[in-house]
Amino acid sequence: MSSSRRAMTLPNKIALGFLLLSALALVGFFVASNANDATEREDLAASAQVLRENSHRLSSPEDEKAVLVEFLDFECESCGAVYPFVEELRAEYGDQVSFVSRYFPLPGHPNSMTAAVAVEAAAQQGEFEAMYQRMFETQTEWSHSDQPQAPTFRSYADSLGLDMEAYDTAVADPATQARVMLDKMDGTGLGVSGTPTFFLDGELIEPATQEEFRQLIEAAISS
């Protein structure tokens, strides 16, 4: 048997050593990344708030008896499906319950962040509710489109009579997207992973039916 079969050559030993070092470095990277991810999740959970002072309220009753917060995505079909019911609840309970909407754009929805930024830009001119409603009323016309929808959303803003120069400035301002991401980070810290997700008086609720939803609200305003 030749010496090359009996023992590993020096170049091979060096190559193997580099491979082992690379593997150890890769393992260390993933361990550190996972540790950092865990720390970030803990930090988000510690700082997360269901409701903030700058959260967008669709109703603000003087005699507030409960607060319903919805984390939503304007491109989410489930959010679009529940939107008419939320409007129905708002008509019924808006004089007793504060209805609050918070952004939670999902990564699988190509136009959701653009939509949220457009709504936030409108909100800066006092038109959150009108733009929020327009997004859901027209959702089937623009959702999941491969084409950029910023011009579509800009046309909505124009039709609402917004100052378009101010709107364009807000859309381009990184602070507007940061405002959207504040909601997203709060939701993530609270354990939100999909939309719509509702919190009633700070507690996560998952009603299975519309009737159960009403019962939860009735219980909250009666307590």
N, C-alpha and C. Protein backbone atom coordinates (compact mmCIF):
# COMPACT_ATOMS: atom_id res chain seq x y z
N MET A 1 0.86 -1.20 0.00
CA MET A 1 0.00 0.00 0.00
C MET A 1 0.88 1.23 0.00
N SER A 2 0.59 2.22 -0.84
CA SER A 2 1.42 3.41 -0.95
C SER A 2 1.26 4.29 0.27
N SER A 3 2.25 5.21 0.45
CA SER A 3 2.20 6.11 1.61
C SER A 3 1.01 7.05 1.54
N SER A 4 0.54 7.40 0.29
CA SER A 4 -0.62 8.29 0.15
C SER A 4 -1.89 7.64 0.63
N ARG A 5 -1.93 6.30 0.62
CA ARG A 5 -3.10 5.59 1.12
C ARG A 5 -3.02 5.41 2.63
N ARG A 6 -1.74 5.31 3.14
CA ARG A 6 -1.57 5.02 4.56
C ARG A 6 -1.78 6.26 5.44
N ALA A 7 -1.43 7.41 4.95
CA ALA A 7 -1.50 8.61 5.79
C ALA A 7 -1.95 9.80 4.97
N MET A 8 -2.63 10.73 5.64
CA MET A 8 -3.08 11.94 4.96
C MET A 8 -1.90 12.86 4.72
N THR A 9 -1.81 13.40 3.53
CA THR A 9 -0.71 14.30 3.20
C THR A 9 -0.88 15.62 3.93
N LEU A 10 0.20 16.38 4.05
CA LEU A 10 0.17 17.67 4.73
C LEU A 10 -0.83 18.64 4.10
N PRO A 11 -0.85 18.75 2.75
CA PRO A 11 -1.85 19.66 2.15
C PRO A 11 -3.29 19.27 2.48
N ASN A 12 -3.54 17.95 2.52
CA ASN A 12 -4.90 17.50 2.85
C ASN A 12 -5.24 17.83 4.30
N LYS A 13 -4.23 17.68 5.18
CA LYS A 13 -4.47 18.02 6.59
C LYS A 13 -4.80 19.50 6.74
N ILE A 14 -4.07 20.32 6.00
CA ILE A 14 -4.33 21.77 6.07
C ILE A 14 -5.72 22.10 5.55
N ALA A 15 -6.10 21.46 4.43
CA ALA A 15 -7.42 21.70 3.85
C ALA A 15 -8.52 21.27 4.81
N LEU A 16 -8.32 20.10 5.44
CA LEU A 16 -9.31 19.61 6.40
C LEU A 16 -9.42 20.56 7.58
N GLY A 17 -8.26 21.08 8.01
CA GLY A 17 -8.28 22.03 9.12
C GLY A 17 -9.08 23.27 8.80
N PHE A 18 -8.90 23.79 7.58
CA PHE A 18 -9.68 24.96 7.16
C PHE A 18 -11.17 24.65 7.12
N LEU A 19 -11.52 23.45 6.64
CA LEU A 19 -12.93 23.06 6.59
C LEU A 19 -13.53 23.01 7.98
N LEU A 20 -12.78 22.42 8.93
CA LEU A 20 -13.28 22.32 10.30
C LEU A 20 -13.45 23.71 10.92
N LEU A 21 -12.47 24.59 10.67
CA LEU A 21 -12.57 25.94 11.21
C LEU A 21 -13.76 26.68 10.62
N SER A 22 -13.99 26.49 9.32
CA SER A 22 -15.13 27.13 8.66
C SER A 22 -16.44 26.62 9.23
N ALA A 23 -16.50 25.29 9.45
CA ALA A 23 -17.72 24.70 10.00
C ALA A 23 -17.99 25.23 11.40
N LEU A 24 -16.93 25.31 12.22
CA LEU A 24 -17.09 25.83 13.58
C LEU A 24 -17.53 27.29 13.56
N ALA A 25 -16.95 28.06 12.63
CA ALA A 25 -17.34 29.48 12.52
C ALA A 25 -18.80 29.61 12.12
N LEU A 26 -19.25 28.73 11.21
CA LEU A 26 -20.64 28.77 10.76
C LEU A 26 -21.58 28.41 11.89
N VAL A 27 -21.21 27.38 12.66
CA VAL A 27 -22.03 26.99 13.81
C VAL A 27 -22.10 28.14 14.81
N GLY A 28 -20.94 28.76 15.06
CA GLY A 28 -20.91 29.89 15.98
C GLY A 28 -21.77 31.04 15.52
N PHE A 29 -21.78 31.27 14.19
CA PHE A 29 -22.60 32.35 13.63
C PHE A 29 -24.07 32.09 13.88
N PHE A 30 -24.52 30.83 13.62
CA PHE A 30 -25.93 30.52 13.80
C PHE A 30 -26.33 30.56 15.27
N VAL A 31 -25.44 30.10 16.14
CA VAL A 31 -25.73 30.16 17.58
C VAL A 31 -25.87 31.61 18.02
N ALA A 32 -24.93 32.46 17.56
CA ALA A 32 -24.99 33.88 17.92
C ALA A 32 -26.23 34.54 17.34
N SER A 33 -26.56 34.18 16.09
CA SER A 33 -27.75 34.76 15.44
C SER A 33 -29.01 34.38 16.19
N ASN A 34 -29.11 33.10 16.58
CA ASN A 34 -30.29 32.65 17.32
C ASN A 34 -30.39 33.35 18.66
N ALA A 35 -29.22 33.53 19.31
CA ALA A 35 -29.22 34.22 20.60
C ALA A 35 -29.65 35.67 20.42
N ASN A 36 -29.15 36.31 19.37
CA ASN A 36 -29.54 37.70 19.09
C ASN A 36 -31.03 37.79 18.78
N ASP A 37 -31.54 36.82 17.99
CA ASP A 37 -32.97 36.82 17.66
C ASP A 37 -33.80 36.68 18.92
N ALA A 38 -33.37 35.79 19.82
CA ALA A 38 -34.11 35.58 21.07
C ALA A 38 -34.10 36.86 21.91
N THR A 39 -32.94 37.53 21.95
CA THR A 39 -32.84 38.78 22.70
C THR A 39 -33.74 39.85 22.11
N GLU A 40 -33.76 39.93 20.76
CA GLU A 40 -34.61 40.91 20.10
C GLU A 40 -36.08 40.65 20.38
N ARG A 41 -36.47 39.36 20.36
CA ARG A 41 -37.87 39.01 20.66
C ARG A 41 -38.23 39.40 22.08
N GLU A 42 -37.30 39.16 23.01
CA GLU A 42 -37.55 39.51 24.40
C GLU A 42 -37.68 41.03 24.56
N ASP A 43 -36.81 41.77 23.85
CA ASP A 43 -36.86 43.23 23.92
C ASP A 43 -38.18 43.76 23.35
N LEU A 44 -38.62 43.17 22.22
CA LEU A 44 -39.88 43.59 21.61
C LEU A 44 -41.05 43.32 22.55
N ALA A 45 -41.04 42.13 23.16
CA ALA A 45 -42.13 41.76 24.07
C ALA A 45 -42.16 42.69 25.28
N ALA A 46 -40.98 43.08 25.76
CA ALA A 46 -40.92 43.93 26.95
C ALA A 46 -41.42 45.34 26.67
N SER A 47 -41.20 45.82 25.45
CA SER A 47 -41.57 47.20 25.13
C SER A 47 -42.90 47.33 24.40
N ALA A 48 -43.47 46.20 23.99
CA ALA A 48 -44.69 46.23 23.17
C ALA A 48 -45.88 46.80 23.94
N GLN A 49 -46.69 47.57 23.23
CA GLN A 49 -47.90 48.14 23.81
C GLN A 49 -49.07 47.87 22.87
N VAL A 50 -50.19 47.48 23.44
CA VAL A 50 -51.39 47.26 22.63
C VAL A 50 -51.90 48.59 22.08
N LEU A 51 -51.79 49.63 22.87
CA LEU A 51 -52.32 50.94 22.50
C LEU A 51 -51.29 52.01 22.82
N ARG A 52 -51.05 52.89 21.87
CA ARG A 52 -50.15 54.02 22.10
C ARG A 52 -50.91 55.33 21.93
N GLU A 53 -50.30 56.38 22.41
CA GLU A 53 -50.95 57.69 22.33
C GLU A 53 -51.22 58.09 20.89
N ASN A 54 -50.34 57.67 19.97
CA ASN A 54 -50.52 58.07 18.57
C ASN A 54 -51.26 57.02 17.74
N SER A 55 -51.83 56.01 18.40
CA SER A 55 -52.61 55.00 17.66
C SER A 55 -53.85 55.65 17.05
N HIS A 56 -54.24 55.14 15.89
CA HIS A 56 -55.36 55.75 15.15
C HIS A 56 -56.70 55.23 15.66
N ARG A 57 -57.52 56.15 16.13
CA ARG A 57 -58.83 55.80 16.67
C ARG A 57 -59.91 56.12 15.64
N LEU A 58 -60.76 55.14 15.41
CA LEU A 58 -61.91 55.35 14.53
C LEU A 58 -63.10 55.88 15.32
N SER A 59 -63.05 55.72 16.62
CA SER A 59 -64.08 56.30 17.50
C SER A 59 -63.43 56.62 18.83
N SER A 60 -63.88 57.70 19.45
CA SER A 60 -63.34 58.12 20.75
C SER A 60 -64.48 58.62 21.62
N PRO A 61 -65.29 57.71 22.15
CA PRO A 61 -66.44 58.13 22.94
C PRO A 61 -66.03 58.83 24.23
N GLU A 62 -66.79 59.83 24.61
CA GLU A 62 -66.51 60.53 25.86
C GLU A 62 -66.66 59.58 27.04
N ASP A 63 -67.68 58.74 26.97
CA ASP A 63 -67.93 57.78 28.05
C ASP A 63 -67.37 56.42 27.62
N GLU A 64 -66.05 56.36 27.46
CA GLU A 64 -65.42 55.13 26.99
C GLU A 64 -65.52 54.02 28.03
N LYS A 65 -66.04 52.87 27.58
CA LYS A 65 -66.18 51.72 28.48
C LYS A 65 -65.31 50.54 28.08
N ALA A 66 -64.77 50.59 26.86
CA ALA A 66 -63.90 49.51 26.40
C ALA A 66 -63.09 50.01 25.20
N VAL A 67 -61.99 49.31 24.93
CA VAL A 67 -61.13 49.66 23.79
C VAL A 67 -60.88 48.40 22.97
N LEU A 68 -61.23 48.46 21.69
CA LEU A 68 -61.00 47.34 20.78
C LEU A 68 -59.91 47.74 19.79
N VAL A 69 -58.81 47.00 19.80
CA VAL A 69 -57.67 47.28 18.91
C VAL A 69 -57.56 46.17 17.88
N GLU A 70 -57.46 46.57 16.62
CA GLU A 70 -57.27 45.60 15.53
C GLU A 70 -55.93 45.83 14.86
N PHE A 71 -55.10 44.79 14.81
CA PHE A 71 -53.90 44.81 13.99
C PHE A 71 -54.30 44.28 12.62
N LEU A 72 -54.06 45.07 11.58
CA LEU A 72 -54.59 44.72 10.26
C LEU A 72 -53.59 44.94 9.14
N ASP A 73 -53.89 44.31 8.03
CA ASP A 73 -53.12 44.44 6.79
C ASP A 73 -54.14 44.77 5.70
N PHE A 74 -53.94 45.89 5.01
CA PHE A 74 -54.93 46.32 4.03
C PHE A 74 -55.03 45.39 2.82
N GLU A 75 -54.04 44.52 2.63
CA GLU A 75 -54.08 43.58 1.51
C GLU A 75 -54.55 42.20 1.93
N CYS A 76 -54.80 42.02 3.21
CA CYS A 76 -55.22 40.73 3.76
C CYS A 76 -56.70 40.48 3.43
N GLU A 77 -56.97 39.34 2.79
CA GLU A 77 -58.35 39.01 2.42
C GLU A 77 -59.24 38.85 3.65
N SER A 78 -58.68 38.27 4.71
CA SER A 78 -59.47 38.08 5.93
C SER A 78 -59.83 39.42 6.56
N CYS A 79 -58.89 40.36 6.50
CA CYS A 79 -59.18 41.71 7.01
C CYS A 79 -60.28 42.37 6.18
N GLY A 80 -60.18 42.17 4.86
CA GLY A 80 -61.21 42.72 3.98
C GLY A 80 -62.57 42.10 4.25
N ALA A 81 -62.56 40.79 4.56
CA ALA A 81 -63.82 40.09 4.82
C ALA A 81 -64.45 40.54 6.13
N VAL A 82 -63.62 40.83 7.14
CA VAL A 82 -64.16 41.21 8.44
C VAL A 82 -64.45 42.71 8.52
N TYR A 83 -63.94 43.48 7.57
CA TYR A 83 -64.12 44.94 7.58
C TYR A 83 -65.59 45.37 7.70
N PRO A 84 -66.52 44.81 6.90
CA PRO A 84 -67.92 45.25 7.05
C PRO A 84 -68.48 44.97 8.44
N PHE A 85 -68.05 43.86 9.04
CA PHE A 85 -68.53 43.53 10.38
C PHE A 85 -67.96 44.50 11.41
N VAL A 86 -66.70 44.87 11.26
CA VAL A 86 -66.10 45.84 12.17
C VAL A 86 -66.83 47.18 12.06
N GLU A 87 -67.17 47.57 10.83
CA GLU A 87 -67.94 48.81 10.64
C GLU A 87 -69.32 48.70 11.29
N GLU A 88 -69.89 47.51 11.22
CA GLU A 88 -71.19 47.28 11.85
C GLU A 88 -71.07 47.42 13.36
N LEU A 89 -70.02 46.83 13.93
CA LEU A 89 -69.79 46.93 15.37
C LEU A 89 -69.56 48.39 15.77
N ARG A 90 -68.84 49.11 14.94
CA ARG A 90 -68.56 50.51 15.24
C ARG A 90 -69.84 51.34 15.26
N ALA A 91 -70.75 51.02 14.35
CA ALA A 91 -72.03 51.72 14.32
C ALA A 91 -72.85 51.41 15.57
N GLU A 92 -72.73 50.18 16.06
CA GLU A 92 -73.50 49.75 17.23
C GLU A 92 -72.89 50.24 18.54
N TYR A 93 -71.57 50.18 18.63
CA TYR A 93 -70.91 50.40 19.92
C TYR A 93 -69.97 51.60 19.95
N GLY A 94 -69.92 52.36 18.87
CA GLY A 94 -68.97 53.48 18.80
C GLY A 94 -69.16 54.54 19.86
N ASP A 95 -70.34 54.59 20.48
CA ASP A 95 -70.57 55.58 21.54
C ASP A 95 -70.10 55.09 22.90
N GLN A 96 -69.64 53.83 22.95
CA GLN A 96 -69.16 53.26 24.21
C GLN A 96 -67.76 52.64 24.10
N VAL A 97 -67.39 52.26 22.87
CA VAL A 97 -66.13 51.55 22.65
C VAL A 97 -65.23 52.36 21.72
N SER A 98 -63.97 52.49 22.10
CA SER A 98 -62.99 53.10 21.21
C SER A 98 -62.49 52.02 20.25
N PHE A 99 -62.65 52.25 18.96
CA PHE A 99 -62.17 51.33 17.94
C PHE A 99 -60.83 51.86 17.41
N VAL A 100 -59.81 51.05 17.51
CA VAL A 100 -58.45 51.47 17.16
C VAL A 100 -57.89 50.55 16.08
N SER A 101 -57.27 51.15 15.07
CA SER A 101 -56.64 50.36 14.00
C SER A 101 -55.13 50.54 14.06
N ARG A 102 -54.41 49.41 13.95
CA ARG A 102 -52.95 49.45 13.93
C ARG A 102 -52.43 48.66 12.74
N TYR A 103 -51.37 49.16 12.17
CA TYR A 103 -50.80 48.54 10.97
C TYR A 103 -50.03 47.26 11.30
N PHE A 104 -50.23 46.25 10.44
CA PHE A 104 -49.42 45.04 10.56
C PHE A 104 -49.24 44.44 9.16
N PRO A 105 -48.49 45.14 8.29
CA PRO A 105 -48.30 44.64 6.93
C PRO A 105 -47.52 43.33 6.93
N LEU A 106 -48.04 42.35 6.21
CA LEU A 106 -47.43 41.03 6.18
C LEU A 106 -46.47 40.90 5.00
N PRO A 107 -45.37 40.19 5.17
CA PRO A 107 -44.36 40.10 4.10
C PRO A 107 -44.85 39.40 2.84
N GLY A 108 -45.86 38.54 2.96
CA GLY A 108 -46.36 37.83 1.79
C GLY A 108 -47.29 38.65 0.91
N HIS A 109 -47.59 39.86 1.33
CA HIS A 109 -48.50 40.72 0.58
C HIS A 109 -47.70 41.86 -0.06
N PRO A 110 -47.53 41.85 -1.37
CA PRO A 110 -46.60 42.77 -2.04
C PRO A 110 -46.95 44.25 -1.93
N ASN A 111 -48.23 44.56 -1.71
CA ASN A 111 -48.65 45.97 -1.69
C ASN A 111 -49.04 46.47 -0.31
N SER A 112 -48.88 45.62 0.71
CA SER A 112 -49.40 45.97 2.03
C SER A 112 -48.64 47.12 2.68
N MET A 113 -47.32 47.13 2.56
CA MET A 113 -46.56 48.23 3.14
C MET A 113 -46.85 49.54 2.41
N THR A 114 -46.91 49.47 1.08
CA THR A 114 -47.22 50.67 0.30
C THR A 114 -48.59 51.22 0.69
N ALA A 115 -49.55 50.32 0.91
CA ALA A 115 -50.89 50.74 1.32
C ALA A 115 -50.86 51.39 2.69
N ALA A 116 -50.15 50.77 3.62
CA ALA A 116 -50.08 51.31 4.98
C ALA A 116 -49.43 52.69 4.99
N VAL A 117 -48.37 52.85 4.22
CA VAL A 117 -47.70 54.16 4.14
C VAL A 117 -48.64 55.20 3.55
N ALA A 118 -49.41 54.81 2.55
CA ALA A 118 -50.37 55.73 1.94
C ALA A 118 -51.44 56.16 2.95
N VAL A 119 -51.92 55.20 3.73
CA VAL A 119 -52.93 55.52 4.75
C VAL A 119 -52.33 56.42 5.82
N GLU A 120 -51.10 56.13 6.22
CA GLU A 120 -50.44 56.96 7.23
C GLU A 120 -50.21 58.37 6.71
N ALA A 121 -49.87 58.49 5.43
CA ALA A 121 -49.69 59.82 4.83
C ALA A 121 -51.01 60.59 4.85
N ALA A 122 -52.11 59.90 4.60
CA ALA A 122 -53.43 60.54 4.68
C ALA A 122 -53.77 60.90 6.12
N ALA A 123 -53.37 60.04 7.04
CA ALA A 123 -53.64 60.29 8.46
C ALA A 123 -52.98 61.57 8.93
N GLN A 124 -51.84 61.89 8.35
CA GLN A 124 -51.13 63.11 8.74
C GLN A 124 -51.90 64.36 8.33
N GLN A 125 -52.89 64.18 7.46
CA GLN A 125 -53.78 65.30 7.10
C GLN A 125 -55.17 65.11 7.70
N GLY A 126 -55.27 64.24 8.70
CA GLY A 126 -56.53 64.03 9.38
C GLY A 126 -57.53 63.17 8.65
N GLU A 127 -57.05 62.38 7.67
CA GLU A 127 -57.96 61.57 6.86
C GLU A 127 -57.67 60.08 6.98
N PHE A 128 -57.29 59.63 8.18
CA PHE A 128 -57.04 58.20 8.35
C PHE A 128 -58.28 57.38 8.04
N GLU A 129 -59.39 57.75 8.64
CA GLU A 129 -60.61 56.96 8.49
C GLU A 129 -61.04 56.84 7.03
N ALA A 130 -61.03 57.95 6.31
CA ALA A 130 -61.47 57.94 4.91
C ALA A 130 -60.56 57.06 4.05
N MET A 131 -59.26 57.13 4.28
CA MET A 131 -58.32 56.34 3.48
C MET A 131 -58.39 54.87 3.89
N TYR A 132 -58.55 54.61 5.16
CA TYR A 132 -58.74 53.24 5.68
C TYR A 132 -59.95 52.60 5.00
N GLN A 133 -61.03 53.32 4.95
CA GLN A 133 -62.24 52.79 4.32
C GLN A 133 -62.05 52.58 2.83
N ARG A 134 -61.39 53.52 2.17
CA ARG A 134 -61.18 53.40 0.72
C ARG A 134 -60.33 52.17 0.39
N MET A 135 -59.34 51.89 1.21
CA MET A 135 -58.48 50.73 0.96
C MET A 135 -59.28 49.43 0.99
N PHE A 136 -60.13 49.29 1.98
CA PHE A 136 -60.89 48.04 2.07
C PHE A 136 -62.02 47.98 1.05
N GLU A 137 -62.62 49.10 0.76
CA GLU A 137 -63.71 49.12 -0.23
C GLU A 137 -63.21 48.79 -1.63
N THR A 138 -61.95 49.04 -1.90
CA THR A 138 -61.38 48.79 -3.24
C THR A 138 -60.36 47.64 -3.23
N GLN A 139 -60.27 46.93 -2.14
CA GLN A 139 -59.19 45.93 -1.99
C GLN A 139 -59.08 44.97 -3.16
N THR A 140 -60.21 44.47 -3.65
CA THR A 140 -60.17 43.48 -4.73
C THR A 140 -59.64 44.05 -6.04
N GLU A 141 -59.62 45.37 -6.16
CA GLU A 141 -59.15 46.00 -7.40
C GLU A 141 -57.62 46.08 -7.48
N TRP A 142 -56.94 46.09 -6.33
CA TRP A 142 -55.49 46.29 -6.36
C TRP A 142 -54.68 45.24 -5.63
N SER A 143 -55.33 44.44 -4.78
CA SER A 143 -54.55 43.51 -3.96
C SER A 143 -53.87 42.44 -4.81
N HIS A 144 -52.68 42.06 -4.37
CA HIS A 144 -51.87 41.01 -4.99
C HIS A 144 -51.53 41.30 -6.46
N SER A 145 -51.53 42.55 -6.81
CA SER A 145 -51.13 42.94 -8.16
C SER A 145 -49.61 42.95 -8.26
N ASP A 146 -49.09 42.52 -9.41
CA ASP A 146 -47.65 42.56 -9.65
C ASP A 146 -47.17 43.98 -9.97
N GLN A 147 -48.10 44.85 -10.31
CA GLN A 147 -47.75 46.22 -10.67
C GLN A 147 -47.71 47.11 -9.42
N PRO A 148 -46.79 48.06 -9.37
CA PRO A 148 -46.74 48.99 -8.24
C PRO A 148 -48.07 49.71 -8.07
N GLN A 149 -48.55 49.78 -6.83
CA GLN A 149 -49.86 50.37 -6.58
C GLN A 149 -49.80 51.78 -5.98
N ALA A 150 -48.61 52.32 -5.84
CA ALA A 150 -48.49 53.68 -5.30
C ALA A 150 -49.31 54.69 -6.10
N PRO A 151 -49.32 54.62 -7.45
CA PRO A 151 -50.16 55.57 -8.20
C PRO A 151 -51.65 55.41 -7.90
N THR A 152 -52.08 54.16 -7.70
CA THR A 152 -53.49 53.91 -7.36
C THR A 152 -53.83 54.57 -6.03
N PHE A 153 -52.98 54.36 -5.05
CA PHE A 153 -53.23 54.92 -3.73
C PHE A 153 -53.15 56.45 -3.76
N ARG A 154 -52.28 56.97 -4.59
CA ARG A 154 -52.18 58.42 -4.73
C ARG A 154 -53.48 58.99 -5.32
N SER A 155 -54.09 58.24 -6.23
CA SER A 155 -55.36 58.70 -6.81
C SER A 155 -56.46 58.71 -5.75
N TYR A 156 -56.40 57.76 -4.81
CA TYR A 156 -57.38 57.77 -3.71
C TYR A 156 -57.20 59.03 -2.87
N ALA A 157 -55.95 59.33 -2.56
CA ALA A 157 -55.66 60.53 -1.76
C ALA A 157 -56.15 61.78 -2.47
N ASP A 158 -55.93 61.83 -3.77
CA ASP A 158 -56.37 62.99 -4.56
C ASP A 158 -57.88 63.12 -4.53
N SER A 159 -58.58 61.98 -4.66
CA SER A 159 -60.04 62.01 -4.67
C SER A 159 -60.62 62.42 -3.33
N LEU A 160 -59.82 62.25 -2.26
CA LEU A 160 -60.27 62.67 -0.93
C LEU A 160 -59.99 64.15 -0.67
N GLY A 161 -59.38 64.80 -1.65
CA GLY A 161 -59.12 66.22 -1.52
C GLY A 161 -57.91 66.57 -0.69
N LEU A 162 -56.96 65.64 -0.57
CA LEU A 162 -55.77 65.92 0.23
C LEU A 162 -54.84 66.89 -0.49
N ASP A 163 -54.02 67.55 0.29
CA ASP A 163 -52.94 68.37 -0.25
C ASP A 163 -51.91 67.40 -0.82
N MET A 164 -51.83 67.31 -2.14
CA MET A 164 -51.03 66.26 -2.76
C MET A 164 -49.53 66.50 -2.60
N GLU A 165 -49.12 67.73 -2.51
CA GLU A 165 -47.70 67.99 -2.27
C GLU A 165 -47.30 67.47 -0.89
N ALA A 166 -48.15 67.72 0.10
CA ALA A 166 -47.89 67.24 1.45
C ALA A 166 -47.98 65.71 1.50
N TYR A 167 -48.93 65.15 0.75
CA TYR A 167 -49.06 63.69 0.69
C TYR A 167 -47.80 63.06 0.11
N ASP A 168 -47.33 63.57 -1.01
CA ASP A 168 -46.14 63.02 -1.65
C ASP A 168 -44.92 63.13 -0.74
N THR A 169 -44.83 64.24 -0.03
CA THR A 169 -43.71 64.43 0.90
C THR A 169 -43.77 63.40 2.02
N ALA A 170 -44.98 63.16 2.53
CA ALA A 170 -45.14 62.19 3.61
C ALA A 170 -44.82 60.77 3.15
N VAL A 171 -45.26 60.41 1.96
CA VAL A 171 -45.00 59.07 1.44
C VAL A 171 -43.50 58.83 1.29
N ALA A 172 -42.78 59.86 0.88
CA ALA A 172 -41.34 59.73 0.66
C ALA A 172 -40.53 59.85 1.95
N ASP A 173 -41.15 60.31 3.01
CA ASP A 173 -40.45 60.54 4.27
C ASP A 173 -40.25 59.21 5.01
N PRO A 174 -39.02 58.83 5.33
CA PRO A 174 -38.78 57.58 6.08
C PRO A 174 -39.53 57.53 7.40
N ALA A 175 -39.83 58.68 7.98
CA ALA A 175 -40.54 58.71 9.25
C ALA A 175 -41.95 58.13 9.12
N THR A 176 -42.53 58.23 7.94
CA THR A 176 -43.87 57.68 7.72
C THR A 176 -43.84 56.16 7.78
N GLN A 177 -42.87 55.56 7.11
CA GLN A 177 -42.73 54.11 7.18
C GLN A 177 -42.34 53.68 8.59
N ALA A 178 -41.53 54.49 9.27
CA ALA A 178 -41.15 54.16 10.64
C ALA A 178 -42.37 54.13 11.55
N ARG A 179 -43.33 55.03 11.29
CA ARG A 179 -44.57 55.03 12.08
C ARG A 179 -45.35 53.74 11.85
N VAL A 180 -45.39 53.27 10.61
CA VAL A 180 -46.04 51.99 10.31
C VAL A 180 -45.32 50.86 11.04
N MET A 181 -43.99 50.89 10.99
CA MET A 181 -43.21 49.82 11.60
C MET A 181 -43.31 49.82 13.12
N LEU A 182 -43.60 50.96 13.72
CA LEU A 182 -43.81 50.98 15.16
C LEU A 182 -44.98 50.09 15.53
N ASP A 183 -46.07 50.20 14.76
CA ASP A 183 -47.22 49.32 14.99
C ASP A 183 -46.82 47.86 14.77
N LYS A 184 -46.09 47.61 13.69
CA LYS A 184 -45.69 46.24 13.37
C LYS A 184 -44.83 45.64 14.49
N MET A 185 -43.91 46.42 15.02
CA MET A 185 -43.05 45.92 16.09
C MET A 185 -43.84 45.67 17.37
N ASP A 186 -44.79 46.55 17.67
CA ASP A 186 -45.65 46.31 18.83
C ASP A 186 -46.42 45.01 18.66
N GLY A 187 -47.00 44.83 17.47
CA GLY A 187 -47.75 43.61 17.21
C GLY A 187 -46.89 42.37 17.36
N THR A 188 -45.69 42.42 16.80
CA THR A 188 -44.78 41.29 16.90
C THR A 188 -44.45 40.99 18.35
N GLY A 189 -44.19 42.02 19.12
CA GLY A 189 -43.88 41.84 20.53
C GLY A 189 -45.05 41.28 21.33
N LEU A 190 -46.26 41.55 20.86
CA LEU A 190 -47.47 41.04 21.53
C LEU A 190 -47.84 39.64 21.06
N GLY A 191 -47.08 39.11 20.11
CA GLY A 191 -47.36 37.76 19.62
C GLY A 191 -48.23 37.70 18.39
N VAL A 192 -48.51 38.85 17.79
CA VAL A 192 -49.31 38.86 16.56
C VAL A 192 -48.49 38.25 15.44
N SER A 193 -49.09 37.31 14.72
CA SER A 193 -48.39 36.68 13.60
C SER A 193 -49.22 36.71 12.32
N GLY A 194 -50.50 37.01 12.45
CA GLY A 194 -51.38 37.08 11.30
C GLY A 194 -52.43 38.15 11.52
N THR A 195 -53.21 38.38 10.48
CA THR A 195 -54.24 39.42 10.57
C THR A 195 -55.58 38.89 10.08
N PRO A 196 -56.69 39.43 10.59
CA PRO A 196 -56.75 40.44 11.66
C PRO A 196 -56.54 39.80 13.03
N THR A 197 -55.95 40.56 13.93
CA THR A 197 -55.80 40.14 15.32
C THR A 197 -56.40 41.24 16.19
N PHE A 198 -57.25 40.83 17.14
CA PHE A 198 -57.98 41.80 17.97
C PHE A 198 -57.57 41.69 19.44
N PHE A 199 -57.50 42.84 20.07
CA PHE A 199 -57.30 42.93 21.52
C PHE A 199 -58.45 43.76 22.09
N LEU A 200 -59.09 43.23 23.10
CA LEU A 200 -60.18 43.94 23.77
C LEU A 200 -59.74 44.27 25.18
N ASP A 201 -59.64 45.55 25.47
CA ASP A 201 -59.13 46.02 26.76
C ASP A 201 -57.78 45.38 27.10
N GLY A 202 -56.93 45.30 26.08
CA GLY A 202 -55.57 44.81 26.28
C GLY A 202 -55.39 43.32 26.23
N GLU A 203 -56.48 42.58 26.10
CA GLU A 203 -56.40 41.12 26.08
C GLU A 203 -56.71 40.59 24.68
N LEU A 204 -55.91 39.63 24.24
CA LEU A 204 -56.14 39.00 22.95
C LEU A 204 -57.48 38.26 22.96
N ILE A 205 -58.29 38.47 21.94
CA ILE A 205 -59.54 37.73 21.82
C ILE A 205 -59.57 37.00 20.47
N GLU A 206 -60.19 35.84 20.47
CA GLU A 206 -60.28 35.04 19.25
C GLU A 206 -61.70 34.48 19.11
N PRO A 207 -62.68 35.36 18.94
CA PRO A 207 -64.07 34.89 18.81
C PRO A 207 -64.26 34.05 17.56
N ALA A 208 -65.01 32.97 17.71
CA ALA A 208 -65.23 32.06 16.59
C ALA A 208 -66.39 32.50 15.71
N THR A 209 -67.29 33.32 16.26
CA THR A 209 -68.46 33.76 15.50
C THR A 209 -68.71 35.25 15.76
N GLN A 210 -69.54 35.85 14.92
CA GLN A 210 -69.90 37.25 15.13
C GLN A 210 -70.67 37.42 16.44
N GLU A 211 -71.49 36.45 16.74
CA GLU A 211 -72.27 36.53 17.98
C GLU A 211 -71.35 36.49 19.20
N GLU A 212 -70.34 35.64 19.14
CA GLU A 212 -69.38 35.58 20.25
C GLU A 212 -68.61 36.90 20.37
N PHE A 213 -68.31 37.50 19.24
CA PHE A 213 -67.61 38.80 19.24
C PHE A 213 -68.48 39.83 19.97
N ARG A 214 -69.76 39.87 19.62
CA ARG A 214 -70.67 40.82 20.28
C ARG A 214 -70.77 40.54 21.78
N GLN A 215 -70.80 39.28 22.13
CA GLN A 215 -70.90 38.92 23.55
C GLN A 215 -69.69 39.40 24.33
N LEU A 216 -68.51 39.29 23.72
CA LEU A 216 -67.29 39.76 24.38
C LEU A 216 -67.33 41.27 24.57
N ILE A 217 -67.81 41.98 23.58
CA ILE A 217 -67.92 43.44 23.70
C ILE A 217 -68.95 43.82 24.76
N GLU A 218 -70.08 43.14 24.74
CA GLU A 218 -71.13 43.41 25.73
C GLU A 218 -70.60 43.18 27.15
N ALA A 219 -69.83 42.11 27.31
CA ALA A 219 -69.27 41.81 28.64
C ALA A 219 -68.28 42.89 29.05
N ALA A 220 -67.51 43.39 28.09
CA ALA A 220 -66.50 44.41 28.41
C ALA A 220 -67.14 45.73 28.81
N ILE A 221 -68.19 46.12 28.13
CA ILE A 221 -68.81 47.41 28.45
C ILE A 221 -69.71 47.32 29.69
N SER A 222 -70.01 46.10 30.09
CA SER A 222 -70.86 45.91 31.26
C SER A 222 -70.05 45.71 32.54
N SER A 223 -68.76 45.46 32.38
CA SER A 223 -67.94 45.15 33.56
C SER A 223 -67.56 46.41 34.33
